[in-house]
Amino acid sequence: MSRVGKAPIPIPKQVKVEVGEDQVKVKGPKGELACPVPPGIDCKLEGEVLTIVRRDDSRQQRSLHGLTRALIANSVTGTVDGFQKKLEIRGVGYRAEHQKDKVEFALGYSHPIAFPIPKGVSIEIEKQVRLTVSGIDKQQVGQVAANIRALRPPEPYKGKGIRYDGEEVAKKAGKSGATGAK
């Protein structure tokens, strides 16, 4: 039995869960999410607890058991609390600016980069160098944060670029100076 899959999912009072044939709908104070349920996996709602059960012990069913439970648990957490990723921009002249439905980055390139904000995600900018990506879908929040970081990943010599809050970048030693023959 999967350790992750057999753990029950507690459902808070403010969340409503609808178990369907091929999906589970989770509705909470922050929004609504639908999580697909693969064939061979059953969801049982008993009072305030949702349990995920697999029909057989095939390799594929075992792997989908824990995955399905984790996705539904993330949907419940997202509709109640939401998820967020924090990013910071380091570098002289590097900054971000909010404009209507996009964020414009100045990252040392010859042109500014316009990043459209997808639906279901909000981006807050603090002091032009700190970003907070938040939303109810954990996968979407993480993907948007990764896409922003990919615009200018931190480089190993000076550490300039976009990094996750608290991320440590291993610095390399640069070229050794004018030591040796002329």
C-alpha atoms as a PDB file:
ATOM      1  CA  MET A   1       0.000   0.000   0.000  1.00  0.00           C
ATOM      2  CA  SER A   2       1.298   3.438  -0.888  1.00  0.00           C
ATOM      3  CA  ARG A   3       2.239   5.477   2.169  1.00  0.00           C
ATOM      4  CA  VAL A   4       1.089   8.670   0.510  1.00  0.00           C
ATOM      5  CA  GLY A   5      -1.980   7.104  -1.087  1.00  0.00           C
ATOM      6  CA  LYS A   6      -3.392   5.493   2.040  1.00  0.00           C
ATOM      7  CA  ALA A   7      -3.280   8.706   4.100  1.00  0.00           C
ATOM      8  CA  PRO A   8      -6.784  10.184   4.394  1.00  0.00           C
ATOM      9  CA  ILE A   9      -7.417  13.759   3.257  1.00  0.00           C
ATOM     10  CA  PRO A  10      -9.144  15.850   5.949  1.00  0.00           C
ATOM     11  CA  ILE A  11     -11.727  18.206   4.453  1.00  0.00           C
ATOM     12  CA  PRO A  12     -12.101  21.578   6.250  1.00  0.00           C
ATOM     13  CA  LYS A  13     -15.603  22.862   6.996  1.00  0.00           C
ATOM     14  CA  GLN A  14     -15.457  25.685   4.405  1.00  0.00           C
ATOM     15  CA  VAL A  15     -14.602  23.269   1.556  1.00  0.00           C
ATOM     16  CA  LYS A  16     -17.136  21.352  -0.516  1.00  0.00           C
ATOM     17  CA  VAL A  17     -15.980  18.229  -2.364  1.00  0.00           C
ATOM     18  CA  GLU A  18     -17.935  16.547  -5.185  1.00  0.00           C
ATOM     19  CA  VAL A  19     -16.720  13.084  -6.160  1.00  0.00           C
ATOM     20  CA  GLY A  20     -17.503  12.217  -9.769  1.00  0.00           C
ATOM     21  CA  GLU A  21     -16.746   9.239 -11.983  1.00  0.00           C
ATOM     22  CA  ASP A  22     -13.529  10.628 -13.472  1.00  0.00           C
ATOM     23  CA  GLN A  23     -12.834  13.776 -11.443  1.00  0.00           C
ATOM     24  CA  VAL A  24     -13.071  15.360  -8.018  1.00  0.00           C
ATOM     25  CA  LYS A  25     -14.284  18.949  -7.760  1.00  0.00           C
ATOM     26  CA  VAL A  26     -13.058  20.977  -4.801  1.00  0.00           C
ATOM     27  CA  LYS A  27     -14.738  24.294  -4.007  1.00  0.00           C
ATOM     28  CA  GLY A  28     -13.382  26.547  -1.269  1.00  0.00           C
ATOM     29  CA  PRO A  29     -13.286  30.194  -0.230  1.00  0.00           C
ATOM     30  CA  LYS A  30     -10.488  31.062  -2.708  1.00  0.00           C
ATOM     31  CA  GLY A  31     -11.923  29.304  -5.755  1.00  0.00           C
ATOM     32  CA  GLU A  32     -12.738  26.022  -7.411  1.00  0.00           C
ATOM     33  CA  LEU A  33     -10.475  23.299  -8.829  1.00  0.00           C
ATOM     34  CA  ALA A  34     -11.180  20.033 -10.629  1.00  0.00           C
ATOM     35  CA  CYS A  35      -8.739  17.159 -10.225  1.00  0.00           C
ATOM     36  CA  PRO A  36      -8.855  14.229 -12.676  1.00  0.00           C
ATOM     37  CA  VAL A  37      -9.080  10.710 -11.253  1.00  0.00           C
ATOM     38  CA  PRO A  38      -7.498   8.006 -13.427  1.00  0.00           C
ATOM     39  CA  PRO A  39      -9.388   4.772 -14.138  1.00  0.00           C
ATOM     40  CA  GLY A  40      -8.852   2.144 -11.442  1.00  0.00           C
ATOM     41  CA  ILE A  41      -8.651   4.696  -8.610  1.00  0.00           C
ATOM     42  CA  ASP A  42     -11.729   5.307  -6.452  1.00  0.00           C
ATOM     43  CA  CYS A  43     -12.439   8.230  -4.107  1.00  0.00           C
ATOM     44  CA  LYS A  44     -14.705   7.760  -1.100  1.00  0.00           C
ATOM     45  CA  LEU A  45     -16.060  10.715   0.864  1.00  0.00           C
ATOM     46  CA  GLU A  46     -17.042   9.711   4.394  1.00  0.00           C
ATOM     47  CA  GLY A  47     -18.074  12.697   6.486  1.00  0.00           C
ATOM     48  CA  GLU A  48     -15.129  15.102   6.669  1.00  0.00           C
ATOM     49  CA  VAL A  49     -12.528  12.658   5.303  1.00  0.00           C
ATOM     50  CA  LEU A  50     -11.729  11.700   1.708  1.00  0.00           C
ATOM     51  CA  THR A  51      -9.919   8.412   1.118  1.00  0.00           C
ATOM     52  CA  ILE A  52      -8.312   7.233  -2.114  1.00  0.00           C
ATOM     53  CA  VAL A  53      -8.444   3.489  -2.889  1.00  0.00           C
ATOM     54  CA  ARG A  54      -6.987   1.549  -5.826  1.00  0.00           C
ATOM     55  CA  ARG A  55      -8.760  -1.435  -7.368  1.00  0.00           C
ATOM     56  CA  ASP A  56      -5.725  -3.678  -7.927  1.00  0.00           C
ATOM     57  CA  ASP A  57      -2.013  -3.862  -7.181  1.00  0.00           C
ATOM     58  CA  SER A  58      -0.636  -3.441 -10.693  1.00  0.00           C
ATOM     59  CA  ARG A  59       2.472  -1.302 -11.077  1.00  0.00           C
ATOM     60  CA  GLN A  60       0.588   1.525 -12.800  1.00  0.00           C
ATOM     61  CA  GLN A  61      -2.188   1.568 -10.187  1.00  0.00           C
ATOM     62  CA  ARG A  62       0.349   1.724  -7.367  1.00  0.00           C
ATOM     63  CA  SER A  63       2.083   4.699  -8.959  1.00  0.00           C
ATOM     64  CA  LEU A  64      -1.179   6.553  -9.657  1.00  0.00           C
ATOM     65  CA  HIS A  65      -2.514   5.934  -6.130  1.00  0.00           C
ATOM     66  CA  GLY A  66      -0.148   8.299  -4.314  1.00  0.00           C
ATOM     67  CA  LEU A  67      -0.144  10.804  -7.179  1.00  0.00           C
ATOM     68  CA  THR A  68      -3.927  11.124  -7.189  1.00  0.00           C
ATOM     69  CA  ARG A  69      -4.052  11.551  -3.419  1.00  0.00           C
ATOM     70  CA  ALA A  70      -1.346  14.262  -3.524  1.00  0.00           C
ATOM     71  CA  LEU A  71      -3.085  16.176  -6.327  1.00  0.00           C
ATOM     72  CA  ILE A  72      -6.442  16.157  -4.522  1.00  0.00           C
ATOM     73  CA  ALA A  73      -4.812  17.173  -1.219  1.00  0.00           C
ATOM     74  CA  ASN A  74      -3.065  20.063  -3.008  1.00  0.00           C
ATOM     75  CA  SER A  75      -6.426  21.123  -4.472  1.00  0.00           C
ATOM     76  CA  VAL A  76      -7.973  21.200  -0.989  1.00  0.00           C
ATOM     77  CA  THR A  77      -5.021  23.179   0.423  1.00  0.00           C
ATOM     78  CA  GLY A  78      -5.041  25.582  -2.534  1.00  0.00           C
ATOM     79  CA  THR A  79      -8.726  26.431  -2.271  1.00  0.00           C
ATOM     80  CA  VAL A  80      -8.351  27.190   1.448  1.00  0.00           C
ATOM     81  CA  ASP A  81      -4.903  28.807   1.818  1.00  0.00           C
ATOM     82  CA  GLY A  82      -3.497  29.149  -1.700  1.00  0.00           C
ATOM     83  CA  PHE A  83       0.139  28.729  -2.722  1.00  0.00           C
ATOM     84  CA  GLN A  84       2.906  31.233  -3.294  1.00  0.00           C
ATOM     85  CA  LYS A  85       6.482  31.353  -4.541  1.00  0.00           C
ATOM     86  CA  LYS A  86       8.786  34.257  -3.829  1.00  0.00           C
ATOM     87  CA  LEU A  87      11.465  35.400  -6.260  1.00  0.00           C
ATOM     88  CA  GLU A  88      14.144  38.043  -5.986  1.00  0.00           C
ATOM     89  CA  ILE A  89      16.008  39.910  -8.705  1.00  0.00           C
ATOM     90  CA  ARG A  90      19.702  40.667  -8.193  1.00  0.00           C
ATOM     91  CA  GLY A  91      21.856  42.824 -10.434  1.00  0.00           C
ATOM     92  CA  VAL A  92      22.540  46.480 -11.085  1.00  0.00           C
ATOM     93  CA  GLY A  93      19.654  47.924 -13.099  1.00  0.00           C
ATOM     94  CA  TYR A  94      17.633  44.693 -12.971  1.00  0.00           C
ATOM     95  CA  ARG A  95      14.001  45.338 -12.032  1.00  0.00           C
ATOM     96  CA  ALA A  96      10.380  44.414 -12.642  1.00  0.00           C
ATOM     97  CA  GLU A  97       7.383  46.660 -13.235  1.00  0.00           C
ATOM     98  CA  HIS A  98       3.670  45.820 -13.187  1.00  0.00           C
ATOM     99  CA  GLN A  99       1.667  46.924 -16.260  1.00  0.00           C
ATOM    100  CA  LYS A 100      -2.039  46.003 -16.612  1.00  0.00           C
ATOM    101  CA  ASP A 101      -2.010  42.270 -17.449  1.00  0.00           C
ATOM    102  CA  LYS A 102       1.749  41.778 -17.764  1.00  0.00           C
ATOM    103  CA  VAL A 103       5.021  42.283 -15.921  1.00  0.00           C
ATOM    104  CA  GLU A 104       7.865  44.058 -17.681  1.00  0.00           C
ATOM    105  CA  PHE A 105      11.399  43.023 -16.747  1.00  0.00           C
ATOM    106  CA  ALA A 106      14.655  44.908 -17.304  1.00  0.00           C
ATOM    107  CA  LEU A 107      17.291  42.175 -16.998  1.00  0.00           C
ATOM    108  CA  GLY A 108      20.387  43.539 -18.690  1.00  0.00           C
ATOM    109  CA  TYR A 109      19.289  42.699 -22.220  1.00  0.00           C
ATOM    110  CA  SER A 110      19.061  45.365 -24.931  1.00  0.00           C
ATOM    111  CA  HIS A 111      15.255  45.310 -24.637  1.00  0.00           C
ATOM    112  CA  PRO A 112      12.693  44.937 -21.841  1.00  0.00           C
ATOM    113  CA  ILE A 113      10.945  41.558 -21.531  1.00  0.00           C
ATOM    114  CA  ALA A 114       7.133  41.529 -21.269  1.00  0.00           C
ATOM    115  CA  PHE A 115       5.816  38.532 -19.314  1.00  0.00           C
ATOM    116  CA  PRO A 116       2.013  38.002 -19.584  1.00  0.00           C
ATOM    117  CA  ILE A 117       0.278  37.070 -16.309  1.00  0.00           C
ATOM    118  CA  PRO A 118      -1.825  33.904 -16.836  1.00  0.00           C
ATOM    119  CA  LYS A 119      -5.354  33.573 -15.456  1.00  0.00           C
ATOM    120  CA  GLY A 120      -5.560  32.126 -11.961  1.00  0.00           C
ATOM    121  CA  VAL A 121      -2.190  33.587 -10.926  1.00  0.00           C
ATOM    122  CA  SER A 122      -1.386  36.949  -9.388  1.00  0.00           C
ATOM    123  CA  ILE A 123       2.050  38.561  -9.282  1.00  0.00           C
ATOM    124  CA  GLU A 124       2.877  41.192  -6.682  1.00  0.00           C
ATOM    125  CA  ILE A 125       6.031  43.299  -6.958  1.00  0.00           C
ATOM    126  CA  GLU A 126       7.723  44.875  -3.948  1.00  0.00           C
ATOM    127  CA  LYS A 127      10.493  47.479  -4.393  1.00  0.00           C
ATOM    128  CA  GLN A 128      10.971  46.413  -8.049  1.00  0.00           C
ATOM    129  CA  VAL A 129      13.207  43.491  -7.028  1.00  0.00           C
ATOM    130  CA  ARG A 130      10.956  41.125  -5.043  1.00  0.00           C
ATOM    131  CA  LEU A 131       8.141  39.186  -6.684  1.00  0.00           C
ATOM    132  CA  THR A 132       5.461  37.001  -5.136  1.00  0.00           C
ATOM    133  CA  VAL A 133       3.640  34.605  -7.458  1.00  0.00           C
ATOM    134  CA  SER A 134       0.430  33.333  -5.848  1.00  0.00           C
ATOM    135  CA  GLY A 135      -2.648  31.333  -6.798  1.00  0.00           C
ATOM    136  CA  ILE A 136      -4.755  28.308  -5.852  1.00  0.00           C
ATOM    137  CA  ASP A 137      -3.220  25.769  -8.268  1.00  0.00           C
ATOM    138  CA  LYS A 138       0.172  24.584  -6.934  1.00  0.00           C
ATOM    139  CA  GLN A 139       1.368  23.316 -10.307  1.00  0.00           C
ATOM    140  CA  GLN A 140       0.482  26.541 -12.123  1.00  0.00           C
ATOM    141  CA  VAL A 141       2.125  28.756  -9.466  1.00  0.00           C
ATOM    142  CA  GLY A 142       5.321  26.695  -9.603  1.00  0.00           C
ATOM    143  CA  GLN A 143       5.383  26.723 -13.413  1.00  0.00           C
ATOM    144  CA  VAL A 144       4.895  30.497 -13.651  1.00  0.00           C
ATOM    145  CA  ALA A 145       7.671  31.040 -11.071  1.00  0.00           C
ATOM    146  CA  ALA A 146       9.969  28.709 -13.028  1.00  0.00           C
ATOM    147  CA  ASN A 147       9.182  30.540 -16.295  1.00  0.00           C
ATOM    148  CA  ILE A 148      10.017  33.895 -14.682  1.00  0.00           C
ATOM    149  CA  ARG A 149      13.272  32.501 -13.252  1.00  0.00           C
ATOM    150  CA  ALA A 150      14.185  31.140 -16.700  1.00  0.00           C
ATOM    151  CA  LEU A 151      14.149  34.677 -18.150  1.00  0.00           C
ATOM    152  CA  ARG A 152      17.531  35.281 -16.459  1.00  0.00           C
ATOM    153  CA  PRO A 153      18.737  32.409 -14.233  1.00  0.00           C
ATOM    154  CA  PRO A 154      21.352  33.363 -11.634  1.00  0.00           C
ATOM    155  CA  GLU A 155      24.857  33.199 -13.066  1.00  0.00           C
ATOM    156  CA  PRO A 156      27.671  31.644 -11.023  1.00  0.00           C
ATOM    157  CA  TYR A 157      30.268  34.447 -11.159  1.00  0.00           C
ATOM    158  CA  LYS A 158      28.500  37.514  -9.776  1.00  0.00           C
ATOM    159  CA  GLY A 159      25.157  35.949  -8.824  1.00  0.00           C
ATOM    160  CA  LYS A 160      23.132  38.284 -11.053  1.00  0.00           C
ATOM    161  CA  GLY A 161      19.715  37.115 -12.237  1.00  0.00           C
ATOM    162  CA  ILE A 162      16.366  35.940 -10.889  1.00  0.00           C
ATOM    163  CA  ARG A 163      16.385  33.406  -8.053  1.00  0.00           C
ATOM    164  CA  TYR A 164      13.942  31.883  -5.612  1.00  0.00           C
ATOM    165  CA  ASP A 165      13.860  33.522  -2.192  1.00  0.00           C
ATOM    166  CA  GLY A 166      16.473  31.814  -0.034  1.00  0.00           C
ATOM    167  CA  GLU A 167      18.140  30.022  -2.973  1.00  0.00           C
ATOM    168  CA  GLU A 168      21.903  29.818  -2.606  1.00  0.00           C
ATOM    169  CA  VAL A 169      23.909  30.057  -5.812  1.00  0.00           C
ATOM    170  CA  ALA A 170      27.363  28.461  -5.688  1.00  0.00           C
ATOM    171  CA  LYS A 171      29.831  31.084  -6.789  1.00  0.00           C
ATOM    172  CA  LYS A 172      32.806  30.216  -8.994  1.00  0.00           C
ATOM    173  CA  ALA A 173      36.179  31.868  -8.824  1.00  0.00           C
ATOM    174  CA  GLY A 174      36.750  34.133 -11.795  1.00  0.00           C
ATOM    175  CA  LYS A 175      39.887  34.295 -13.890  1.00  0.00           C
ATOM    176  CA  SER A 176      43.037  34.701 -11.878  1.00  0.00           C
ATOM    177  CA  GLY A 177      44.482  38.194 -12.362  1.00  0.00           C
ATOM    178  CA  ALA A 178      47.720  39.283 -13.977  1.00  0.00           C
ATOM    179  CA  THR A 179      49.997  36.766 -12.329  1.00  0.00           C
ATOM    180  CA  GLY A 180      52.714  35.166 -14.380  1.00  0.00           C
ATOM    181  CA  ALA A 181      54.750  36.123 -17.431  1.00  0.00           C
ATOM    182  CA  LYS A 182      54.240  39.331 -19.348  1.00  0.00           C
END
